[in-house]
Amino acid sequence: MQACAFVTKKADIPALVKSQFERIYAAAKLECYFSDSENDALAWLAALGCSLDKE
């Protein structure tokens, strides 16, 4: 696993979701990104060289 992008627009408390996962991913030394937009999240992952494989 290289990175993870979270789309938090439907989260009840987006700030809480972000703070919890930021700590987890920081401890694991993995990049993470938070957005209200799925397109922005996918674009960020693509910029890191990640792809959406549908296999």
PDB file of N, CA and C in Angstrom:
ATOM      1  N   MET A   1       0.850  -1.182   0.000  1.00  0.00           N
ATOM      2  CA  MET A   1       0.000   0.000   0.000  1.00  0.00           C
ATOM      3  C   MET A   1       0.883   1.229   0.000  1.00  0.00           C
ATOM      4  N   GLN A   2       0.555   2.137  -0.885  1.00  0.00           N
ATOM      5  CA  GLN A   2       1.349   3.346  -1.044  1.00  0.00           C
ATOM      6  C   GLN A   2       0.700   4.558  -0.385  1.00  0.00           C
ATOM      7  N   ALA A   3      -0.608   4.678  -0.499  1.00  0.00           N
ATOM      8  CA  ALA A   3      -1.312   5.853   0.013  1.00  0.00           C
ATOM      9  C   ALA A   3      -2.805   5.552   0.093  1.00  0.00           C
ATOM     10  N   CYS A   4      -3.526   6.470   0.748  1.00  0.00           N
ATOM     11  CA  CYS A   4      -4.972   6.310   0.867  1.00  0.00           C
ATOM     12  C   CYS A   4      -5.628   7.678   0.795  1.00  0.00           C
ATOM     13  N   ALA A   5      -6.716   7.746   0.037  1.00  0.00           N
ATOM     14  CA  ALA A   5      -7.486   8.980  -0.054  1.00  0.00           C
ATOM     15  C   ALA A   5      -8.868   8.719   0.536  1.00  0.00           C
ATOM     16  N   PHE A   6      -9.314   9.626   1.365  1.00  0.00           N
ATOM     17  CA  PHE A   6     -10.606   9.509   2.025  1.00  0.00           C
ATOM     18  C   PHE A   6     -11.556  10.567   1.490  1.00  0.00           C
ATOM     19  N   VAL A   7     -12.764  10.156   1.160  1.00  0.00           N
ATOM     20  CA  VAL A   7     -13.818  11.094   0.773  1.00  0.00           C
ATOM     21  C   VAL A   7     -14.759  11.167   1.973  1.00  0.00           C
ATOM     22  N   THR A   8     -14.797  12.336   2.594  1.00  0.00           N
ATOM     23  CA  THR A   8     -15.493  12.478   3.879  1.00  0.00           C
ATOM     24  C   THR A   8     -16.787  13.275   3.794  1.00  0.00           C
ATOM     25  N   LYS A   9     -17.299  13.520   2.604  1.00  0.00           N
ATOM     26  CA  LYS A   9     -18.476  14.387   2.475  1.00  0.00           C
ATOM     27  C   LYS A   9     -19.715  13.832   3.162  1.00  0.00           C
ATOM     28  N   LYS A  10     -19.816  12.533   3.342  1.00  0.00           N
ATOM     29  CA  LYS A  10     -20.987  11.952   3.995  1.00  0.00           C
ATOM     30  C   LYS A  10     -20.718  11.567   5.452  1.00  0.00           C
ATOM     31  N   ALA A  11     -19.542  11.879   5.954  1.00  0.00           N
ATOM     32  CA  ALA A  11     -19.217  11.570   7.347  1.00  0.00           C
ATOM     33  C   ALA A  11     -20.010  12.495   8.267  1.00  0.00           C
ATOM     34  N   ASP A  12     -20.483  11.962   9.383  1.00  0.00           N
ATOM     35  CA  ASP A  12     -21.219  12.789  10.344  1.00  0.00           C
ATOM     36  C   ASP A  12     -20.329  13.877  10.930  1.00  0.00           C
ATOM     37  N   ILE A  13     -19.086  13.527  11.228  1.00  0.00           N
ATOM     38  CA  ILE A  13     -18.140  14.483  11.804  1.00  0.00           C
ATOM     39  C   ILE A  13     -16.810  14.349  11.047  1.00  0.00           C
ATOM     40  N   PRO A  14     -16.689  15.015   9.893  1.00  0.00           N
ATOM     41  CA  PRO A  14     -15.485  14.877   9.063  1.00  0.00           C
ATOM     42  C   PRO A  14     -14.180  15.168   9.805  1.00  0.00           C
ATOM     43  N   ALA A  15     -14.169  16.149  10.692  1.00  0.00           N
ATOM     44  CA  ALA A  15     -12.942  16.492  11.418  1.00  0.00           C
ATOM     45  C   ALA A  15     -12.494  15.332  12.315  1.00  0.00           C
ATOM     46  N   LEU A  16     -13.432  14.630  12.902  1.00  0.00           N
ATOM     47  CA  LEU A  16     -13.090  13.483  13.748  1.00  0.00           C
ATOM     48  C   LEU A  16     -12.530  12.338  12.908  1.00  0.00           C
ATOM     49  N   VAL A  17     -13.154  12.075  11.786  1.00  0.00           N
ATOM     50  CA  VAL A  17     -12.664  11.035  10.873  1.00  0.00           C
ATOM     51  C   VAL A  17     -11.235  11.364  10.451  1.00  0.00           C
ATOM     52  N   LYS A  18     -11.024  12.622  10.059  1.00  0.00           N
ATOM     53  CA  LYS A  18      -9.693  13.044   9.605  1.00  0.00           C
ATOM     54  C   LYS A  18      -8.659  12.889  10.709  1.00  0.00           C
ATOM     55  N   SER A  19      -8.947  13.338  11.913  1.00  0.00           N
ATOM     56  CA  SER A  19      -7.958  13.275  12.998  1.00  0.00           C
ATOM     57  C   SER A  19      -7.611  11.835  13.356  1.00  0.00           C
ATOM     58  N   GLN A  20      -8.594  10.955  13.349  1.00  0.00           N
ATOM     59  CA  GLN A  20      -8.334   9.551  13.684  1.00  0.00           C
ATOM     60  C   GLN A  20      -7.448   8.895  12.629  1.00  0.00           C
ATOM     61  N   PHE A  21      -7.819   9.039  11.368  1.00  0.00           N
ATOM     62  CA  PHE A  21      -7.058   8.378  10.313  1.00  0.00           C
ATOM     63  C   PHE A  21      -5.699   9.024  10.076  1.00  0.00           C
ATOM     64  N   GLU A  22      -5.582  10.334  10.273  1.00  0.00           N
ATOM     65  CA  GLU A  22      -4.273  10.986  10.137  1.00  0.00           C
ATOM     66  C   GLU A  22      -3.257  10.369  11.085  1.00  0.00           C
ATOM     67  N   ARG A  23      -3.665  10.123  12.324  1.00  0.00           N
ATOM     68  CA  ARG A  23      -2.746   9.519  13.301  1.00  0.00           C
ATOM     69  C   ARG A  23      -2.345   8.114  12.885  1.00  0.00           C
ATOM     70  N   ILE A  24      -3.293   7.339  12.414  1.00  0.00           N
ATOM     71  CA  ILE A  24      -3.007   5.961  12.002  1.00  0.00           C
ATOM     72  C   ILE A  24      -2.028   5.937  10.835  1.00  0.00           C
ATOM     73  N   TYR A  25      -2.311   6.737   9.811  1.00  0.00           N
ATOM     74  CA  TYR A  25      -1.455   6.729   8.634  1.00  0.00           C
ATOM     75  C   TYR A  25      -0.092   7.364   8.907  1.00  0.00           C
ATOM     76  N   ALA A  26      -0.028   8.349   9.766  1.00  0.00           N
ATOM     77  CA  ALA A  26       1.264   8.940  10.139  1.00  0.00           C
ATOM     78  C   ALA A  26       2.125   7.902  10.861  1.00  0.00           C
ATOM     79  N   ALA A  27       1.521   7.137  11.753  1.00  0.00           N
ATOM     80  CA  ALA A  27       2.264   6.101  12.467  1.00  0.00           C
ATOM     81  C   ALA A  27       2.765   5.022  11.514  1.00  0.00           C
ATOM     82  N   ALA A  28       1.997   4.751  10.467  1.00  0.00           N
ATOM     83  CA  ALA A  28       2.383   3.742   9.478  1.00  0.00           C
ATOM     84  C   ALA A  28       3.285   4.322   8.386  1.00  0.00           C
ATOM     85  N   LYS A  29       3.532   5.628   8.454  1.00  0.00           N
ATOM     86  CA  LYS A  29       4.350   6.329   7.464  1.00  0.00           C
ATOM     87  C   LYS A  29       3.795   6.171   6.049  1.00  0.00           C
ATOM     88  N   LEU A  30       2.479   6.328   5.940  1.00  0.00           N
ATOM     89  CA  LEU A  30       1.787   6.278   4.657  1.00  0.00           C
ATOM     90  C   LEU A  30       1.114   7.616   4.387  1.00  0.00           C
ATOM     91  N   GLU A  31       1.130   8.024   3.132  1.00  0.00           N
ATOM     92  CA  GLU A  31       0.474   9.268   2.730  1.00  0.00           C
ATOM     93  C   GLU A  31      -1.039   9.096   2.792  1.00  0.00           C
ATOM     94  N   CYS A  32      -1.728  10.148   3.214  1.00  0.00           N
ATOM     95  CA  CYS A  32      -3.187  10.125   3.161  1.00  0.00           C
ATOM     96  C   CYS A  32      -3.684  11.514   2.775  1.00  0.00           C
ATOM     97  N   TYR A  33      -4.876  11.532   2.216  1.00  0.00           N
ATOM     98  CA  TYR A  33      -5.471  12.760   1.695  1.00  0.00           C
ATOM     99  C   TYR A  33      -6.962  12.739   2.011  1.00  0.00           C
ATOM    100  N   PHE A  34      -7.503  13.868   2.366  1.00  0.00           N
ATOM    101  CA  PHE A  34      -8.916  13.973   2.710  1.00  0.00           C
ATOM    102  C   PHE A  34      -9.578  15.006   1.810  1.00  0.00           C
ATOM    103  N   SER A  35     -10.754  14.667   1.302  1.00  0.00           N
ATOM    104  CA  SER A  35     -11.449  15.567   0.392  1.00  0.00           C
ATOM    105  C   SER A  35     -12.952  15.314   0.461  1.00  0.00           C
ATOM    106  N   ASP A  36     -13.710  16.295   0.041  1.00  0.00           N
ATOM    107  CA  ASP A  36     -15.155  16.125  -0.113  1.00  0.00           C
ATOM    108  C   ASP A  36     -15.487  15.599  -1.505  1.00  0.00           C
ATOM    109  N   SER A  37     -14.485  15.558  -2.377  1.00  0.00           N
ATOM    110  CA  SER A  37     -14.698  15.196  -3.773  1.00  0.00           C
ATOM    111  C   SER A  37     -13.985  13.902  -4.133  1.00  0.00           C
ATOM    112  N   GLU A  38     -14.739  12.947  -4.670  1.00  0.00           N
ATOM    113  CA  GLU A  38     -14.126  11.700  -5.121  1.00  0.00           C
ATOM    114  C   GLU A  38     -13.152  11.960  -6.274  1.00  0.00           C
ATOM    115  N   ASN A  39     -13.506  12.878  -7.161  1.00  0.00           N
ATOM    116  CA  ASN A  39     -12.612  13.202  -8.282  1.00  0.00           C
ATOM    117  C   ASN A  39     -11.289  13.769  -7.796  1.00  0.00           C
ATOM    118  N   ASP A  40     -11.325  14.657  -6.809  1.00  0.00           N
ATOM    119  CA  ASP A  40     -10.090  15.213  -6.251  1.00  0.00           C
ATOM    120  C   ASP A  40      -9.250  14.123  -5.595  1.00  0.00           C
ATOM    121  N   ALA A  41      -9.902  13.221  -4.870  1.00  0.00           N
ATOM    122  CA  ALA A  41      -9.185  12.135  -4.207  1.00  0.00           C
ATOM    123  C   ALA A  41      -8.512  11.227  -5.231  1.00  0.00           C
ATOM    124  N   LEU A  42      -9.238  10.888  -6.292  1.00  0.00           N
ATOM    125  CA  LEU A  42      -8.657  10.044  -7.334  1.00  0.00           C
ATOM    126  C   LEU A  42      -7.527  10.754  -8.069  1.00  0.00           C
ATOM    127  N   ALA A  43      -7.674  12.056  -8.294  1.00  0.00           N
ATOM    128  CA  ALA A  43      -6.614  12.829  -8.948  1.00  0.00           C
ATOM    129  C   ALA A  43      -5.358  12.856  -8.081  1.00  0.00           C
ATOM    130  N   TRP A  44      -5.520  12.997  -6.773  1.00  0.00           N
ATOM    131  CA  TRP A  44      -4.373  13.002  -5.859  1.00  0.00           C
ATOM    132  C   TRP A  44      -3.663  11.652  -5.911  1.00  0.00           C
ATOM    133  N   LEU A  45      -4.425  10.572  -5.876  1.00  0.00           N
ATOM    134  CA  LEU A  45      -3.820   9.238  -5.968  1.00  0.00           C
ATOM    135  C   LEU A  45      -3.099   9.057  -7.296  1.00  0.00           C
ATOM    136  N   ALA A  46      -3.693   9.516  -8.379  1.00  0.00           N
ATOM    137  CA  ALA A  46      -3.063   9.394  -9.697  1.00  0.00           C
ATOM    138  C   ALA A  46      -1.762  10.188  -9.745  1.00  0.00           C
ATOM    139  N   ALA A  47      -1.730  11.358  -9.101  1.00  0.00           N
ATOM    140  CA  ALA A  47      -0.509  12.164  -9.061  1.00  0.00           C
ATOM    141  C   ALA A  47       0.629  11.443  -8.342  1.00  0.00           C
ATOM    142  N   LEU A  48       0.270  10.541  -7.425  1.00  0.00           N
ATOM    143  CA  LEU A  48       1.279   9.754  -6.724  1.00  0.00           C
ATOM    144  C   LEU A  48       1.688   8.512  -7.511  1.00  0.00           C
ATOM    145  N   GLY A  49       1.021   8.285  -8.628  1.00  0.00           N
ATOM    146  CA  GLY A  49       1.327   7.117  -9.445  1.00  0.00           C
ATOM    147  C   GLY A  49       0.471   5.913  -9.134  1.00  0.00           C
ATOM    148  N   CYS A  50      -0.551   6.107  -8.320  1.00  0.00           N
ATOM    149  CA  CYS A  50      -1.471   5.015  -8.000  1.00  0.00           C
ATOM    150  C   CYS A  50      -2.501   4.918  -9.121  1.00  0.00           C
ATOM    151  N   SER A  51      -2.980   3.716  -9.365  1.00  0.00           N
ATOM    152  CA  SER A  51      -4.008   3.545 -10.385  1.00  0.00           C
ATOM    153  C   SER A  51      -5.168   2.742  -9.829  1.00  0.00           C
ATOM    154  N   LEU A  52      -6.295   2.892 -10.453  1.00  0.00           N
ATOM    155  CA  LEU A  52      -7.490   2.173 -10.063  1.00  0.00           C
ATOM    156  C   LEU A  52      -7.604   0.951 -10.972  1.00  0.00           C
ATOM    157  N   ASP A  53      -7.105  -0.185 -10.481  1.00  0.00           N
ATOM    158  CA  ASP A  53      -7.193  -1.426 -11.242  1.00  0.00           C
ATOM    159  C   ASP A  53      -8.541  -2.064 -10.984  1.00  0.00           C
ATOM    160  N   LYS A  54      -9.198  -2.472 -12.029  1.00  0.00           N
ATOM    161  CA  LYS A  54     -10.518  -3.080 -11.895  1.00  0.00           C
ATOM    162  C   LYS A  54     -10.443  -4.571 -12.177  1.00  0.00           C
ATOM    163  N   GLU A  55      -9.374  -5.200 -11.737  1.00  0.00           N
ATOM    164  CA  GLU A  55      -9.219  -6.647 -11.938  1.00  0.00           C
ATOM    165  C   GLU A  55      -9.817  -7.406 -10.804  1.00  0.00           C
TER     166      GLU A  55
END
